[in-house]
Amino acid sequence: MFQYLLPLFMFLLMGCSKTPTVDYDPNFPTASLQTYAIVSKASQQSNPLNEERIRDAVMTEMQQKGYTATDKKTADFHISFASIVKEDVPSNVSFGFGLGSFSSGVGTSIGASHRPTKDQGELHINMIDPETQKTFWRTVYTKDIRDFSSPQARTDYFNTIVTTMLKDFPAHTSPK
């Protein structure tokens, strides 16, 4: 029996893992990019402390990829980000119960179910060509909102999420 439970458990865990969605324009010349500017403005419903954490995480990640932050007017590309909270998203799991009887071929039942909801957060990061204002690279990450034990736990969380999201963005290579 145990030999069947372990693979089932591993399958369920793998189903819970989330990866960011990435889309990009394969014809955009990313090899020539050297400098960036973050152009996002905090939305009215967002948490300004989290917005700052996300901004810092994006800047750290871009620096590690070899890009240099500069002002909006001279940047090779712009970065915008938005955090969106979706409240009461239905869960993929539902709970139910039923009552019934069976007598002489006649049956009746009464059923009721409850589908729990949860809040989800989405983080969108867009790389934008400043000349055309078109997005050439985009990533979106969706995850259930969780509680944090401290401000440092929030910072660590956003650092991890942004690193995961920007993993596939091409690093700047210095000309030789």
N, C-alpha and C. Protein backbone atom coordinates (compact mmCIF):
# COMPACT_ATOMS: atom_id res chain seq x y z
N MET A 1 0.82 -1.19 0.00
CA MET A 1 0.00 0.00 0.00
C MET A 1 0.87 1.26 0.00
N PHE A 2 1.92 1.28 0.82
CA PHE A 2 2.79 2.45 0.93
C PHE A 2 3.45 2.77 -0.42
N GLN A 3 3.73 1.73 -1.19
CA GLN A 3 4.40 1.95 -2.47
C GLN A 3 3.54 2.79 -3.42
N TYR A 4 2.23 2.80 -3.22
CA TYR A 4 1.34 3.61 -4.05
C TYR A 4 1.12 5.01 -3.47
N LEU A 5 1.25 5.15 -2.17
CA LEU A 5 1.02 6.44 -1.52
C LEU A 5 2.14 7.43 -1.80
N LEU A 6 3.39 6.96 -1.82
CA LEU A 6 4.52 7.87 -2.04
C LEU A 6 4.46 8.51 -3.43
N PRO A 7 4.26 7.75 -4.52
CA PRO A 7 4.15 8.41 -5.83
C PRO A 7 2.96 9.37 -5.90
N LEU A 8 1.84 9.01 -5.27
CA LEU A 8 0.68 9.89 -5.27
C LEU A 8 1.00 11.19 -4.54
N PHE A 9 1.64 11.08 -3.39
CA PHE A 9 2.03 12.26 -2.62
C PHE A 9 2.98 13.15 -3.42
N MET A 10 3.96 12.57 -4.11
CA MET A 10 4.91 13.34 -4.92
C MET A 10 4.19 14.04 -6.08
N PHE A 11 3.23 13.34 -6.69
CA PHE A 11 2.46 13.93 -7.77
C PHE A 11 1.67 15.14 -7.28
N LEU A 12 1.05 15.03 -6.11
CA LEU A 12 0.30 16.14 -5.55
C LEU A 12 1.19 17.32 -5.23
N LEU A 13 2.38 17.06 -4.70
CA LEU A 13 3.31 18.16 -4.41
C LEU A 13 3.75 18.86 -5.68
N MET A 14 4.04 18.10 -6.71
CA MET A 14 4.47 18.71 -7.97
C MET A 14 3.34 19.55 -8.56
N GLY A 15 2.12 19.14 -8.37
CA GLY A 15 0.99 19.90 -8.87
C GLY A 15 0.84 21.24 -8.16
N CYS A 16 1.39 21.38 -6.97
CA CYS A 16 1.27 22.62 -6.20
C CYS A 16 2.36 23.63 -6.55
N SER A 17 3.42 23.20 -7.21
CA SER A 17 4.50 24.12 -7.52
C SER A 17 4.06 25.07 -8.62
N LYS A 18 4.49 26.31 -8.55
CA LYS A 18 4.11 27.32 -9.51
C LYS A 18 5.36 27.86 -10.17
N THR A 19 5.26 28.09 -11.45
CA THR A 19 6.35 28.72 -12.18
C THR A 19 5.80 29.95 -12.87
N PRO A 20 6.64 30.94 -13.08
CA PRO A 20 6.15 32.15 -13.74
C PRO A 20 5.87 31.89 -15.22
N THR A 21 4.94 32.66 -15.75
CA THR A 21 4.66 32.65 -17.18
C THR A 21 5.56 33.70 -17.81
N VAL A 22 6.27 33.32 -18.86
CA VAL A 22 7.18 34.24 -19.55
C VAL A 22 6.77 34.31 -21.02
N ASP A 23 6.75 35.53 -21.55
CA ASP A 23 6.48 35.74 -22.97
C ASP A 23 7.42 36.84 -23.44
N TYR A 24 7.86 36.75 -24.69
CA TYR A 24 8.79 37.75 -25.20
C TYR A 24 8.74 37.81 -26.72
N ASP A 25 9.27 38.89 -27.26
CA ASP A 25 9.40 39.07 -28.70
C ASP A 25 10.78 38.55 -29.10
N PRO A 26 10.84 37.42 -29.82
CA PRO A 26 12.14 36.84 -30.16
C PRO A 26 12.96 37.69 -31.13
N ASN A 27 12.31 38.67 -31.79
CA ASN A 27 13.02 39.52 -32.75
C ASN A 27 13.60 40.77 -32.11
N PHE A 28 13.31 41.02 -30.84
CA PHE A 28 13.83 42.23 -30.19
C PHE A 28 15.30 42.03 -29.88
N PRO A 29 16.15 43.02 -30.22
CA PRO A 29 17.60 42.89 -30.02
C PRO A 29 18.04 43.14 -28.57
N THR A 30 17.90 42.14 -27.70
CA THR A 30 18.26 42.31 -26.29
C THR A 30 19.77 42.37 -26.07
N ALA A 31 20.57 41.91 -27.02
CA ALA A 31 22.03 41.88 -26.84
C ALA A 31 22.61 43.29 -26.72
N SER A 32 21.94 44.29 -27.26
CA SER A 32 22.48 45.66 -27.22
C SER A 32 22.08 46.43 -25.96
N LEU A 33 21.26 45.84 -25.11
CA LEU A 33 20.77 46.54 -23.92
C LEU A 33 21.84 46.59 -22.83
N GLN A 34 21.97 47.78 -22.23
CA GLN A 34 22.94 47.95 -21.15
C GLN A 34 22.34 48.65 -19.93
N THR A 35 21.42 49.57 -20.16
CA THR A 35 20.88 50.38 -19.06
C THR A 35 19.36 50.27 -19.00
N TYR A 36 18.82 50.47 -17.80
CA TYR A 36 17.38 50.39 -17.60
C TYR A 36 16.93 51.47 -16.63
N ALA A 37 15.63 51.71 -16.64
CA ALA A 37 15.01 52.59 -15.66
C ALA A 37 13.68 51.96 -15.26
N ILE A 38 13.39 51.99 -13.97
CA ILE A 38 12.11 51.49 -13.49
C ILE A 38 11.11 52.62 -13.57
N VAL A 39 10.00 52.36 -14.25
CA VAL A 39 9.02 53.42 -14.49
C VAL A 39 7.67 53.16 -13.82
N SER A 40 7.60 52.15 -12.99
CA SER A 40 6.33 51.81 -12.31
C SER A 40 5.99 52.85 -11.27
N LYS A 41 4.70 53.06 -11.16
CA LYS A 41 4.19 53.90 -10.09
C LYS A 41 3.26 53.04 -9.25
N ALA A 42 3.32 53.20 -7.95
CA ALA A 42 2.49 52.40 -7.06
C ALA A 42 1.02 52.69 -7.32
N SER A 43 0.21 51.66 -7.32
CA SER A 43 -1.22 51.84 -7.51
C SER A 43 -1.85 52.23 -6.17
N GLN A 44 -3.07 52.72 -6.24
CA GLN A 44 -3.75 53.19 -5.03
C GLN A 44 -4.04 52.06 -4.05
N GLN A 45 -4.29 50.85 -4.57
CA GLN A 45 -4.66 49.74 -3.68
C GLN A 45 -3.46 48.94 -3.21
N SER A 46 -2.28 49.26 -3.65
CA SER A 46 -1.12 48.45 -3.29
C SER A 46 -0.50 48.89 -1.97
N ASN A 47 0.32 48.02 -1.43
CA ASN A 47 1.05 48.29 -0.21
C ASN A 47 2.37 48.97 -0.61
N PRO A 48 2.59 50.23 -0.24
CA PRO A 48 3.81 50.93 -0.67
C PRO A 48 5.09 50.26 -0.16
N LEU A 49 5.04 49.61 0.99
CA LEU A 49 6.23 48.92 1.49
C LEU A 49 6.57 47.72 0.61
N ASN A 50 5.55 46.97 0.18
CA ASN A 50 5.80 45.85 -0.72
C ASN A 50 6.27 46.34 -2.09
N GLU A 51 5.70 47.45 -2.55
CA GLU A 51 6.14 48.02 -3.84
C GLU A 51 7.64 48.36 -3.79
N GLU A 52 8.09 48.90 -2.69
CA GLU A 52 9.51 49.23 -2.53
C GLU A 52 10.35 47.96 -2.47
N ARG A 53 9.85 46.94 -1.80
CA ARG A 53 10.57 45.65 -1.75
C ARG A 53 10.71 45.05 -3.15
N ILE A 54 9.63 45.12 -3.93
CA ILE A 54 9.67 44.58 -5.29
C ILE A 54 10.65 45.40 -6.14
N ARG A 55 10.59 46.71 -6.03
CA ARG A 55 11.51 47.59 -6.78
C ARG A 55 12.96 47.25 -6.43
N ASP A 56 13.26 47.12 -5.17
CA ASP A 56 14.63 46.79 -4.75
C ASP A 56 15.05 45.41 -5.27
N ALA A 57 14.14 44.44 -5.24
CA ALA A 57 14.46 43.10 -5.73
C ALA A 57 14.72 43.11 -7.23
N VAL A 58 13.93 43.87 -7.99
CA VAL A 58 14.16 43.99 -9.44
C VAL A 58 15.51 44.64 -9.71
N MET A 59 15.81 45.71 -8.99
CA MET A 59 17.09 46.40 -9.20
C MET A 59 18.27 45.49 -8.87
N THR A 60 18.18 44.74 -7.79
CA THR A 60 19.25 43.81 -7.41
C THR A 60 19.43 42.74 -8.49
N GLU A 61 18.34 42.19 -8.96
CA GLU A 61 18.42 41.14 -9.98
C GLU A 61 19.00 41.68 -11.29
N MET A 62 18.61 42.87 -11.69
CA MET A 62 19.13 43.45 -12.93
C MET A 62 20.62 43.77 -12.79
N GLN A 63 21.04 44.23 -11.63
CA GLN A 63 22.45 44.49 -11.38
C GLN A 63 23.25 43.18 -11.48
N GLN A 64 22.72 42.10 -10.92
CA GLN A 64 23.40 40.81 -10.99
C GLN A 64 23.47 40.29 -12.42
N LYS A 65 22.56 40.72 -13.28
CA LYS A 65 22.57 40.32 -14.68
C LYS A 65 23.46 41.24 -15.52
N GLY A 66 24.07 42.25 -14.89
CA GLY A 66 25.02 43.10 -15.59
C GLY A 66 24.45 44.39 -16.14
N TYR A 67 23.22 44.75 -15.80
CA TYR A 67 22.61 45.98 -16.29
C TYR A 67 22.84 47.11 -15.29
N THR A 68 22.81 48.34 -15.81
CA THR A 68 23.03 49.52 -14.99
C THR A 68 21.77 50.37 -14.95
N ALA A 69 21.39 50.79 -13.75
CA ALA A 69 20.23 51.67 -13.59
C ALA A 69 20.61 53.08 -14.01
N THR A 70 19.72 53.75 -14.68
CA THR A 70 19.94 55.11 -15.11
C THR A 70 18.60 55.85 -15.12
N ASP A 71 18.59 57.10 -15.60
CA ASP A 71 17.34 57.84 -15.63
C ASP A 71 16.49 57.42 -16.83
N LYS A 72 15.24 57.73 -16.77
CA LYS A 72 14.25 57.29 -17.76
C LYS A 72 14.59 57.77 -19.18
N LYS A 73 15.15 58.96 -19.30
CA LYS A 73 15.41 59.54 -20.63
C LYS A 73 16.54 58.86 -21.38
N THR A 74 17.52 58.32 -20.67
CA THR A 74 18.67 57.73 -21.35
C THR A 74 18.71 56.20 -21.29
N ALA A 75 17.74 55.58 -20.66
CA ALA A 75 17.73 54.12 -20.49
C ALA A 75 17.49 53.41 -21.83
N ASP A 76 18.16 52.28 -22.00
CA ASP A 76 17.95 51.44 -23.18
C ASP A 76 16.59 50.75 -23.12
N PHE A 77 16.11 50.47 -21.92
CA PHE A 77 14.78 49.89 -21.76
C PHE A 77 14.21 50.28 -20.41
N HIS A 78 12.89 50.22 -20.33
CA HIS A 78 12.18 50.55 -19.10
C HIS A 78 11.60 49.27 -18.51
N ILE A 79 11.48 49.27 -17.19
CA ILE A 79 10.88 48.15 -16.48
C ILE A 79 9.67 48.68 -15.71
N SER A 80 8.54 48.03 -15.93
CA SER A 80 7.36 48.35 -15.13
C SER A 80 6.93 47.08 -14.41
N PHE A 81 6.34 47.26 -13.26
CA PHE A 81 5.81 46.11 -12.53
C PHE A 81 4.52 46.52 -11.85
N ALA A 82 3.69 45.54 -11.60
CA ALA A 82 2.42 45.78 -10.91
C ALA A 82 2.10 44.56 -10.07
N SER A 83 1.66 44.80 -8.86
CA SER A 83 1.18 43.71 -8.02
C SER A 83 -0.33 43.86 -7.90
N ILE A 84 -1.01 42.76 -8.14
CA ILE A 84 -2.47 42.76 -8.17
C ILE A 84 -2.97 41.71 -7.18
N VAL A 85 -3.96 42.06 -6.39
CA VAL A 85 -4.56 41.12 -5.45
C VAL A 85 -5.94 40.76 -5.98
N LYS A 86 -6.17 39.46 -6.14
CA LYS A 86 -7.48 38.94 -6.54
C LYS A 86 -8.08 38.29 -5.31
N GLU A 87 -9.20 38.82 -4.86
CA GLU A 87 -9.83 38.32 -3.65
C GLU A 87 -10.87 37.24 -3.97
N ASP A 88 -11.00 36.30 -3.06
CA ASP A 88 -12.02 35.25 -3.13
C ASP A 88 -11.96 34.43 -4.42
N VAL A 89 -10.77 34.01 -4.79
CA VAL A 89 -10.60 33.13 -5.94
C VAL A 89 -11.04 31.73 -5.52
N PRO A 90 -11.93 31.10 -6.30
CA PRO A 90 -12.38 29.75 -5.91
C PRO A 90 -11.22 28.75 -5.92
N SER A 91 -11.23 27.88 -4.96
CA SER A 91 -10.22 26.84 -4.86
C SER A 91 -10.54 25.73 -5.86
N ASN A 92 -9.54 24.95 -6.22
CA ASN A 92 -9.74 23.79 -7.07
C ASN A 92 -10.28 22.61 -6.28
N VAL A 93 -10.44 22.79 -4.99
CA VAL A 93 -10.91 21.72 -4.12
C VAL A 93 -12.30 22.09 -3.62
N SER A 94 -13.19 21.14 -3.59
CA SER A 94 -14.50 21.40 -2.97
C SER A 94 -14.79 20.30 -1.97
N PHE A 95 -15.54 20.65 -0.98
CA PHE A 95 -15.93 19.72 0.05
C PHE A 95 -17.43 19.53 -0.03
N GLY A 96 -17.88 18.33 0.15
CA GLY A 96 -19.31 18.11 0.08
C GLY A 96 -19.74 16.96 0.97
N PHE A 97 -21.03 16.83 1.17
CA PHE A 97 -21.56 15.72 1.92
C PHE A 97 -22.93 15.39 1.33
N GLY A 98 -23.38 14.23 1.58
CA GLY A 98 -24.69 13.83 1.07
C GLY A 98 -25.34 12.87 2.02
N LEU A 99 -26.63 12.84 1.99
CA LEU A 99 -27.41 11.91 2.79
C LEU A 99 -28.31 11.14 1.83
N GLY A 100 -28.55 9.90 2.11
CA GLY A 100 -29.41 9.15 1.21
C GLY A 100 -29.92 7.90 1.87
N SER A 101 -30.87 7.30 1.22
CA SER A 101 -31.38 6.03 1.71
C SER A 101 -31.66 5.15 0.50
N PHE A 102 -31.72 3.89 0.75
CA PHE A 102 -31.99 2.95 -0.32
C PHE A 102 -32.91 1.87 0.24
N SER A 103 -34.08 1.75 -0.35
CA SER A 103 -35.04 0.76 0.15
C SER A 103 -35.89 0.30 -1.01
N SER A 104 -35.92 -0.97 -1.24
CA SER A 104 -36.74 -1.58 -2.28
C SER A 104 -36.57 -0.91 -3.64
N GLY A 105 -35.34 -0.53 -3.98
CA GLY A 105 -35.10 0.05 -5.29
C GLY A 105 -35.42 1.52 -5.40
N VAL A 106 -35.81 2.16 -4.34
CA VAL A 106 -36.11 3.58 -4.37
C VAL A 106 -35.05 4.28 -3.54
N GLY A 107 -34.48 5.34 -4.06
CA GLY A 107 -33.45 6.05 -3.32
C GLY A 107 -33.66 7.55 -3.37
N THR A 108 -33.23 8.20 -2.35
CA THR A 108 -33.27 9.66 -2.30
C THR A 108 -31.96 10.13 -1.70
N SER A 109 -31.60 11.34 -2.04
CA SER A 109 -30.40 11.91 -1.42
C SER A 109 -30.52 13.41 -1.39
N ILE A 110 -29.81 13.98 -0.49
CA ILE A 110 -29.72 15.43 -0.36
C ILE A 110 -28.23 15.74 -0.33
N GLY A 111 -27.80 16.64 -1.15
CA GLY A 111 -26.39 16.97 -1.20
C GLY A 111 -26.15 18.45 -1.03
N ALA A 112 -25.02 18.76 -0.51
CA ALA A 112 -24.60 20.16 -0.37
C ALA A 112 -23.09 20.18 -0.46
N SER A 113 -22.55 21.24 -1.00
CA SER A 113 -21.09 21.34 -1.07
C SER A 113 -20.67 22.76 -0.76
N HIS A 114 -19.42 22.89 -0.42
CA HIS A 114 -18.82 24.19 -0.14
C HIS A 114 -17.49 24.25 -0.87
N ARG A 115 -17.29 25.29 -1.63
CA ARG A 115 -16.05 25.47 -2.36
C ARG A 115 -15.30 26.64 -1.72
N PRO A 116 -14.22 26.35 -1.01
CA PRO A 116 -13.52 27.43 -0.31
C PRO A 116 -12.88 28.41 -1.29
N THR A 117 -12.69 29.62 -0.82
CA THR A 117 -12.02 30.65 -1.61
C THR A 117 -10.75 31.09 -0.91
N LYS A 118 -9.89 31.74 -1.66
CA LYS A 118 -8.64 32.25 -1.11
C LYS A 118 -8.27 33.50 -1.90
N ASP A 119 -7.38 34.28 -1.35
CA ASP A 119 -6.88 35.45 -2.06
C ASP A 119 -5.59 35.08 -2.78
N GLN A 120 -5.45 35.58 -4.00
CA GLN A 120 -4.24 35.34 -4.78
C GLN A 120 -3.60 36.66 -5.13
N GLY A 121 -2.28 36.62 -5.22
CA GLY A 121 -1.53 37.78 -5.65
C GLY A 121 -0.86 37.49 -6.97
N GLU A 122 -0.85 38.49 -7.85
CA GLU A 122 -0.15 38.39 -9.12
C GLU A 122 0.89 39.48 -9.17
N LEU A 123 2.06 39.13 -9.67
CA LEU A 123 3.10 40.11 -9.90
C LEU A 123 3.42 40.08 -11.39
N HIS A 124 3.34 41.24 -12.03
CA HIS A 124 3.64 41.38 -13.45
C HIS A 124 4.90 42.22 -13.59
N ILE A 125 5.85 41.77 -14.39
CA ILE A 125 7.04 42.56 -14.71
C ILE A 125 7.13 42.65 -16.22
N ASN A 126 7.23 43.87 -16.74
CA ASN A 126 7.31 44.11 -18.18
C ASN A 126 8.58 44.87 -18.52
N MET A 127 9.25 44.44 -19.58
CA MET A 127 10.39 45.15 -20.14
C MET A 127 9.88 45.88 -21.38
N ILE A 128 10.10 47.19 -21.45
CA ILE A 128 9.46 48.02 -22.46
C ILE A 128 10.51 48.77 -23.27
N ASP A 129 10.32 48.80 -24.58
CA ASP A 129 11.17 49.59 -25.47
C ASP A 129 10.74 51.06 -25.32
N PRO A 130 11.64 51.95 -24.87
CA PRO A 130 11.22 53.33 -24.63
C PRO A 130 10.86 54.09 -25.91
N GLU A 131 11.39 53.67 -27.05
CA GLU A 131 11.08 54.37 -28.31
C GLU A 131 9.67 54.07 -28.80
N THR A 132 9.28 52.80 -28.75
CA THR A 132 7.98 52.39 -29.28
C THR A 132 6.93 52.22 -28.18
N GLN A 133 7.35 52.18 -26.92
CA GLN A 133 6.47 51.92 -25.77
C GLN A 133 5.83 50.53 -25.85
N LYS A 134 6.45 49.60 -26.58
CA LYS A 134 5.95 48.24 -26.68
C LYS A 134 6.72 47.33 -25.73
N THR A 135 6.00 46.39 -25.15
CA THR A 135 6.62 45.40 -24.28
C THR A 135 7.34 44.38 -25.14
N PHE A 136 8.61 44.11 -24.80
CA PHE A 136 9.35 43.09 -25.54
C PHE A 136 9.62 41.84 -24.71
N TRP A 137 9.40 41.93 -23.40
CA TRP A 137 9.58 40.77 -22.52
C TRP A 137 8.66 40.95 -21.33
N ARG A 138 7.98 39.86 -20.92
CA ARG A 138 6.98 39.96 -19.85
C ARG A 138 6.97 38.67 -19.05
N THR A 139 6.78 38.80 -17.76
CA THR A 139 6.62 37.64 -16.89
C THR A 139 5.53 37.93 -15.86
N VAL A 140 4.77 36.88 -15.55
CA VAL A 140 3.67 36.99 -14.57
C VAL A 140 3.79 35.81 -13.62
N TYR A 141 3.62 36.09 -12.34
CA TYR A 141 3.68 35.04 -11.31
C TYR A 141 2.44 35.16 -10.45
N THR A 142 1.72 34.07 -10.28
CA THR A 142 0.51 34.04 -9.47
C THR A 142 0.71 33.07 -8.32
N LYS A 143 0.34 33.50 -7.12
CA LYS A 143 0.51 32.65 -5.95
C LYS A 143 -0.52 33.04 -4.90
N ASP A 144 -0.89 32.07 -4.07
CA ASP A 144 -1.80 32.35 -2.96
C ASP A 144 -1.13 33.33 -2.01
N ILE A 145 -1.90 34.28 -1.52
CA ILE A 145 -1.37 35.26 -0.57
C ILE A 145 -1.16 34.58 0.77
N ARG A 146 -0.07 34.91 1.40
CA ARG A 146 0.24 34.29 2.69
C ARG A 146 0.56 35.36 3.71
N ASP A 147 0.55 34.95 4.95
CA ASP A 147 0.91 35.85 6.05
C ASP A 147 2.41 35.73 6.29
N PHE A 148 3.00 36.80 6.75
CA PHE A 148 4.43 36.82 7.01
C PHE A 148 4.69 37.08 8.48
N SER A 149 5.76 36.49 8.98
CA SER A 149 6.08 36.63 10.39
C SER A 149 6.84 37.92 10.69
N SER A 150 7.45 38.52 9.66
CA SER A 150 8.23 39.73 9.89
C SER A 150 8.43 40.48 8.58
N PRO A 151 8.85 41.75 8.65
CA PRO A 151 9.18 42.48 7.42
C PRO A 151 10.32 41.81 6.64
N GLN A 152 11.29 41.23 7.35
CA GLN A 152 12.39 40.55 6.66
C GLN A 152 11.88 39.33 5.89
N ALA A 153 10.90 38.63 6.45
CA ALA A 153 10.31 37.48 5.75
C ALA A 153 9.64 37.93 4.45
N ARG A 154 8.99 39.09 4.48
CA ARG A 154 8.38 39.65 3.26
C ARG A 154 9.47 39.98 2.24
N THR A 155 10.53 40.63 2.68
CA THR A 155 11.63 41.00 1.78
C THR A 155 12.23 39.75 1.15
N ASP A 156 12.50 38.75 1.95
CA ASP A 156 13.07 37.49 1.42
C ASP A 156 12.13 36.86 0.41
N TYR A 157 10.85 36.88 0.70
CA TYR A 157 9.85 36.30 -0.19
C TYR A 157 9.87 37.00 -1.55
N PHE A 158 9.83 38.34 -1.56
CA PHE A 158 9.83 39.07 -2.83
C PHE A 158 11.15 38.92 -3.57
N ASN A 159 12.26 38.84 -2.85
CA ASN A 159 13.55 38.59 -3.52
C ASN A 159 13.52 37.26 -4.25
N THR A 160 12.99 36.24 -3.60
CA THR A 160 12.91 34.91 -4.22
C THR A 160 11.98 34.91 -5.43
N ILE A 161 10.82 35.53 -5.29
CA ILE A 161 9.85 35.57 -6.39
C ILE A 161 10.43 36.31 -7.59
N VAL A 162 11.03 37.47 -7.38
CA VAL A 162 11.58 38.26 -8.50
C VAL A 162 12.74 37.51 -9.16
N THR A 163 13.59 36.86 -8.38
CA THR A 163 14.68 36.07 -8.96
C THR A 163 14.12 34.97 -9.84
N THR A 164 13.09 34.29 -9.37
CA THR A 164 12.45 33.24 -10.16
C THR A 164 11.85 33.81 -11.45
N MET A 165 11.20 34.95 -11.34
CA MET A 165 10.56 35.55 -12.51
C MET A 165 11.56 36.01 -13.56
N LEU A 166 12.69 36.55 -13.13
CA LEU A 166 13.66 37.11 -14.07
C LEU A 166 14.76 36.13 -14.45
N LYS A 167 14.63 34.89 -14.03
CA LYS A 167 15.65 33.88 -14.30
C LYS A 167 15.95 33.76 -15.79
N ASP A 168 14.93 33.84 -16.65
CA ASP A 168 15.11 33.64 -18.08
C ASP A 168 15.37 34.93 -18.85
N PHE A 169 15.38 36.09 -18.16
CA PHE A 169 15.70 37.32 -18.87
C PHE A 169 17.19 37.30 -19.19
N PRO A 170 17.56 37.62 -20.45
CA PRO A 170 18.97 37.49 -20.83
C PRO A 170 19.87 38.44 -20.04
N ALA A 171 21.01 37.92 -19.62
CA ALA A 171 22.01 38.73 -18.92
C ALA A 171 22.73 39.61 -19.92
N HIS A 172 23.17 40.77 -19.45
CA HIS A 172 23.96 41.66 -20.30
C HIS A 172 25.37 41.11 -20.43
N THR A 173 25.83 41.02 -21.63
CA THR A 173 27.21 40.56 -21.87
C THR A 173 28.02 41.74 -22.35
N SER A 174 29.12 41.98 -21.67
CA SER A 174 30.00 43.11 -22.03
C SER A 174 30.71 42.80 -23.35
N PRO A 175 30.82 43.80 -24.23
CA PRO A 175 31.56 43.59 -25.47
C PRO A 175 33.03 43.38 -25.20
N LYS A 176 33.64 42.51 -25.98
CA LYS A 176 35.06 42.19 -25.77
C LYS A 176 35.93 42.88 -26.75
